[in-house]
Protein backbone atom coordinates (compact mmCIF):
# COMPACT_ATOMS: atom_id res chain seq x y z
CA MET A 1 33.37 -141.98 201.05
CA THR A 2 36.05 -143.40 203.60
CA LEU A 3 37.41 -139.23 204.33
CA GLY A 4 36.76 -138.62 207.67
CA LEU A 5 36.90 -135.63 210.04
CA VAL A 6 39.01 -134.65 213.26
CA GLY A 7 37.13 -132.52 216.12
CA ARG A 8 35.98 -132.04 220.37
CA LYS A 9 33.88 -133.36 221.74
CA VAL A 10 31.49 -130.72 222.99
CA GLY A 11 29.08 -132.19 225.80
CA MET A 12 25.71 -133.85 225.56
CA THR A 13 22.06 -132.41 225.27
CA ARG A 14 19.19 -133.40 224.05
CA VAL A 15 17.19 -133.36 221.05
CA PHE A 16 13.20 -133.75 219.94
CA THR A 17 11.41 -135.63 216.71
CA ASP A 18 8.15 -134.62 214.88
CA ASP A 19 7.23 -137.72 217.20
CA GLY A 20 8.02 -135.37 220.35
CA ASP A 21 10.61 -138.40 220.93
CA SER A 22 13.40 -137.52 222.88
CA LEU A 23 17.24 -138.41 221.78
CA PRO A 24 20.01 -138.38 223.50
CA VAL A 25 22.89 -136.70 221.40
CA THR A 26 26.75 -135.56 222.05
CA VAL A 27 27.27 -132.52 220.46
CA LEU A 28 31.01 -133.02 217.89
CA ASP A 29 32.81 -129.82 216.80
CA VAL A 30 34.26 -130.33 213.21
CA SER A 31 35.02 -127.07 212.40
CA ASP A 32 37.91 -126.09 210.35
CA ASN A 33 39.62 -129.44 209.25
CA ARG A 34 42.73 -128.38 207.07
CA VAL A 35 43.90 -130.91 204.18
CA THR A 36 47.38 -131.27 204.23
CA GLN A 37 48.73 -133.94 202.04
CA ILE A 38 47.31 -135.53 199.61
CA LYS A 39 48.65 -139.01 198.97
CA THR A 40 48.31 -140.37 195.93
CA PRO A 41 49.57 -144.27 194.64
CA ALA A 42 52.02 -142.57 192.15
CA THR A 43 53.77 -140.97 195.08
CA ASP A 44 53.09 -142.45 198.20
CA GLY A 45 52.18 -145.74 197.18
CA TYR A 46 49.26 -145.23 198.24
CA SER A 47 45.70 -142.54 198.78
CA ALA A 48 44.38 -140.97 201.50
CA VAL A 49 44.56 -137.53 202.77
CA GLN A 50 46.19 -135.93 205.39
CA VAL A 51 43.95 -133.32 207.73
CA THR A 52 44.54 -131.14 210.58
CA PHE A 53 42.34 -129.55 213.63
CA GLY A 54 42.94 -126.69 216.01
CA ARG A 55 45.76 -124.54 216.63
CA ARG A 56 49.39 -124.71 217.71
CA ARG A 57 51.79 -122.27 218.47
CA ALA A 58 54.42 -121.75 216.77
CA SER A 59 57.04 -122.27 218.99
CA ARG A 60 55.74 -125.66 220.07
CA VAL A 61 56.16 -126.98 216.06
CA ASN A 62 59.68 -128.52 214.97
CA LYS A 63 61.54 -127.81 212.31
CA ALA A 64 60.44 -131.22 210.21
CA ALA A 65 56.39 -130.42 210.86
CA ALA A 66 56.48 -126.39 210.04
CA GLY A 67 58.73 -127.50 206.70
CA HIS A 68 55.64 -130.11 206.41
CA LEU A 69 53.00 -127.25 206.99
CA ALA A 70 54.78 -124.26 204.77
CA LYS A 71 54.28 -126.19 201.79
CA ALA A 72 50.92 -126.68 202.29
CA ALA A 73 50.14 -123.16 203.38
CA VAL A 74 48.31 -124.58 206.22
CA GLU A 75 48.31 -123.70 209.75
CA ALA A 76 49.66 -125.81 212.80
CA GLY A 77 46.86 -127.64 214.67
CA HIS A 78 47.25 -129.71 217.66
CA VAL A 79 46.27 -133.01 215.93
CA LEU A 80 47.26 -134.36 212.38
CA ARG A 81 45.50 -137.48 211.16
CA GLU A 82 45.57 -139.50 207.78
CA PHE A 83 42.02 -140.83 206.68
CA ARG A 84 42.91 -143.55 203.81
CA VAL A 85 40.65 -142.62 200.25
CA PRO A 86 40.10 -144.19 196.70
CA GLU A 87 41.88 -142.24 194.19
CA SER A 88 38.81 -141.94 192.17
CA GLU A 89 37.25 -139.65 195.30
CA LEU A 90 41.02 -137.84 194.78
CA GLY A 91 40.13 -134.90 192.81
CA ASN A 92 37.36 -132.80 194.32
CA LEU A 93 39.78 -132.37 197.30
CA LYS A 94 43.09 -129.77 196.96
CA VAL A 95 46.34 -128.89 199.54
CA GLY A 96 45.02 -126.07 201.85
CA GLY A 97 41.68 -126.70 201.64
CA LYS A 98 38.55 -127.40 203.84
CA ILE A 99 36.70 -130.16 204.67
CA GLY A 100 33.16 -129.01 206.09
CA ALA A 101 30.58 -131.83 208.40
CA ASP A 102 28.15 -131.41 204.81
CA ILE A 103 30.14 -134.52 204.44
CA PHE A 104 28.16 -136.15 206.64
CA LYS A 105 23.85 -136.49 206.49
CA ALA A 106 21.53 -136.89 208.71
CA GLY A 107 20.84 -140.59 208.87
CA GLN A 108 24.23 -141.81 208.74
CA ILE A 109 26.06 -144.55 210.49
CA VAL A 110 29.26 -143.16 211.96
CA ASP A 111 32.47 -144.82 214.29
CA VAL A 112 33.36 -142.28 216.66
CA SER A 113 37.12 -142.26 218.36
CA GLY A 114 38.53 -141.21 221.14
CA THR A 115 40.35 -141.55 224.68
CA SER A 116 38.17 -142.51 227.41
CA GLN A 117 38.32 -141.19 230.85
CA GLY A 118 40.79 -141.68 233.30
CA LYS A 119 39.40 -143.56 236.11
CA GLY A 120 42.34 -143.89 238.02
CA PHE A 121 43.50 -147.15 239.93
CA ALA A 122 40.31 -149.02 240.12
CA GLY A 123 39.99 -152.89 242.00
CA VAL A 124 38.45 -156.15 240.32
CA ILE A 125 34.60 -155.18 240.68
CA LYS A 126 34.38 -151.80 238.60
CA ARG A 127 37.33 -152.54 236.21
CA HIS A 128 36.65 -155.94 235.60
CA HIS A 129 33.19 -156.21 236.73
CA PHE A 130 33.60 -159.09 239.26
CA SER A 131 31.29 -160.18 242.05
CA SER A 132 31.36 -159.39 245.57
CA ASN A 133 31.69 -161.83 248.57
CA ARG A 134 29.76 -161.58 250.90
CA ALA A 135 29.56 -158.66 253.28
CA SER A 136 28.98 -160.63 256.80
CA HIS A 137 28.79 -164.21 258.38
CA GLY A 138 32.35 -163.84 259.03
CA ASN A 139 34.10 -162.48 256.16
CA SER A 140 35.39 -158.69 257.64
CA ILE A 141 37.96 -157.54 255.15
CA LEU A 142 37.90 -159.53 251.88
CA HIS A 143 33.85 -158.49 250.42
CA ASN A 144 35.30 -156.76 247.85
CA LYS A 145 38.82 -158.60 247.01
CA PRO A 146 39.71 -160.57 243.86
CA GLY A 147 39.94 -163.77 245.64
CA SER A 148 42.37 -166.34 244.45
CA THR A 149 44.69 -165.58 241.85
CA GLY A 150 47.58 -167.84 241.86
CA MET A 151 47.63 -171.65 241.69
CA ALA A 152 49.57 -174.96 243.68
CA GLN A 153 52.80 -175.98 243.32
CA ASP A 154 52.27 -177.18 239.70
CA PRO A 155 52.55 -174.41 237.69
CA GLY A 156 53.14 -172.04 241.13
CA ARG A 157 52.31 -169.08 239.69
CA VAL A 158 50.10 -166.49 238.04
CA PHE A 159 49.44 -166.68 234.15
CA PRO A 160 50.25 -163.27 232.70
CA GLY A 161 47.10 -161.88 231.47
CA LYS A 162 45.30 -162.61 235.06
CA ARG A 163 42.66 -159.75 235.74
CA MET A 164 43.72 -157.51 238.49
CA ALA A 165 43.06 -154.31 239.99
CA GLY A 166 45.04 -152.15 238.53
CA HIS A 167 44.78 -147.87 236.32
CA LEU A 168 40.99 -147.41 234.05
CA GLY A 169 40.20 -146.21 231.41
CA ALA A 170 42.60 -143.14 229.64
CA VAL A 171 42.50 -145.82 226.46
CA GLN A 172 41.65 -145.01 222.95
CA ARG A 173 38.21 -146.80 222.22
CA THR A 174 35.88 -146.39 219.10
CA VAL A 175 32.10 -146.80 219.94
CA GLN A 176 30.57 -147.63 216.08
CA GLY A 177 26.91 -147.94 215.10
CA LEU A 178 26.44 -143.98 215.67
CA GLU A 179 23.59 -142.82 213.57
CA VAL A 180 24.14 -138.40 213.11
CA VAL A 181 20.82 -136.71 213.74
CA ARG A 182 21.47 -133.50 212.36
CA VAL A 183 24.04 -131.61 210.73
CA ASP A 184 25.04 -127.94 211.51
CA ALA A 185 26.54 -126.71 208.40
CA GLU A 186 26.94 -123.29 209.43
CA ARG A 187 28.97 -123.75 212.64
CA GLN A 188 29.80 -126.85 211.51
CA LEU A 189 28.81 -129.21 214.21
CA LEU A 190 27.44 -132.71 213.93
CA LEU A 191 24.92 -134.08 216.42
CA VAL A 192 25.25 -137.77 216.74
CA LYS A 193 22.88 -140.36 218.89
CA GLY A 194 24.65 -141.76 222.39
CA SER A 195 27.83 -141.37 223.96
CA VAL A 196 31.15 -140.87 222.58
CA PRO A 197 34.41 -141.81 224.28
CA GLY A 198 35.92 -139.21 226.48
CA SER A 199 35.82 -136.31 228.82
CA ARG A 200 33.98 -132.84 227.03
CA GLY A 201 36.60 -130.86 224.90
CA ARG A 202 39.04 -134.42 224.23
CA ASP A 203 39.46 -134.66 220.33
CA ILE A 204 37.73 -137.53 218.35
CA VAL A 205 37.39 -139.25 215.12
CA VAL A 206 34.47 -139.66 213.21
CA ARG A 207 34.45 -142.19 209.67
CA PRO A 208 32.03 -143.41 208.48
CA THR A 209 31.52 -146.84 209.75
CA SER A 210 33.17 -149.80 208.60
CA LYS A 211 30.39 -152.07 209.74
CA ALA A 212 27.96 -153.69 207.74
CA ILE A 213 24.20 -151.16 207.27
CA ARG A 214 21.57 -154.24 207.80
CA ALA A 215 18.32 -153.11 206.22
CA LYS A 216 15.22 -152.37 208.91
CA GLY A 217 12.11 -154.39 207.45
CA PRO A 218 11.56 -157.97 208.54
CA SER A 219 13.85 -160.80 209.16
CA PRO A 220 15.00 -163.23 206.12
CA LYS A 221 13.74 -166.31 207.82
CA ALA A 222 10.34 -165.10 209.20
CA ALA A 223 8.16 -167.87 208.61
CA PRO A 224 7.02 -168.61 204.59
CA SER A 225 3.64 -167.30 203.44
CA LYS A 226 0.42 -169.04 203.26
CA ALA A 227 0.74 -169.08 199.32
CA ALA A 228 4.05 -170.94 200.21
CA PRO A 229 2.45 -174.60 201.54
CA ALA A 230 -0.43 -174.47 198.61
CA ALA A 231 1.74 -174.23 195.65
CA ALA A 232 3.84 -177.25 197.68
CA GLN A 233 0.68 -179.29 197.72
CA SER A 234 0.11 -178.20 193.82
CA ALA A 235 3.26 -179.90 193.22
CA LYS A 236 2.88 -182.90 194.86
CA SER A 237 -0.08 -183.96 193.45
CA ALA A 238 0.76 -182.54 189.81
CA PRO A 239 2.79 -185.91 188.83
CA ALA A 240 -0.44 -188.11 190.63
CA ALA A 241 -2.51 -186.44 188.32
CA ALA A 242 -0.50 -187.38 184.79
CA GLN A 243 -0.15 -190.93 186.26
CA ALA A 244 -4.18 -190.76 186.33
CA ALA A 245 -4.75 -189.09 183.02
CA LYS A 246 -1.76 -191.77 181.51
CA ALA A 247 -4.22 -194.89 183.31
CA SER A 248 -7.51 -193.59 181.34
CA GLN A 249 -5.48 -193.50 178.11
CA ALA A 250 -4.29 -196.79 178.01
CA ALA A 251 -7.84 -198.64 179.91
CA PRO A 252 -9.64 -200.03 177.21
CA PRO A 253 -13.11 -198.49 176.21
CA ALA A 254 -15.85 -200.08 178.11
CA ALA A 255 -18.24 -203.06 175.83
CA LYS A 256 -21.32 -201.71 175.34
CA GLY A 257 -24.52 -203.26 177.52
CA ALA A 258 -22.20 -203.91 180.03
């Protein structure tokens, strides 16, 4: 199921496994996801579910959005997100209903999207991980500079896309392959192993991962078993044995008294 949830980042903590291992987890609040519209191929050309999260004052909602939400009998939220869902799975959903955290389960792999933390104007070392120049032996103020950026008379300009200093962070980012460690259905919380983009209190989107999950176990390119060389050797010796049997049948019987 490709249905996801909208929520907010609460913060980070850790949980302990039965073996005593400490796992760093991010707490995500996905409570009160309300269905505002269900789109079907017959009416919209594709199947999807539109949900809203959070609260927004009525004075902050324009007339078009207010009419759309009033039709669904749903309170206005500050986030409106749409998820593509197969048409066969739309029967379990209804407009005005709620989607809980129990659509995910412990051990499931998810992708989490959010806006990364803004870090303001940053140099090339922090922004693009450049190496700094030597800070001594004649180098006075150039140890944290990007170095040469232009070229000679031909082409005589700097190509677009050159990595330079500039604004860092505050962009949409998705972290893939995070594992759901625990699902708190009572408080509508998801505990996800690892870090999630964004500051505490920022909006996030959780959806089932779009990456192929590799099964745990030995690699398919593992060394062949010991029985394989024996089988190959027997296969190679089979034609030789057959030829020897034919030769013994074709040979004339030895004379008596020879």
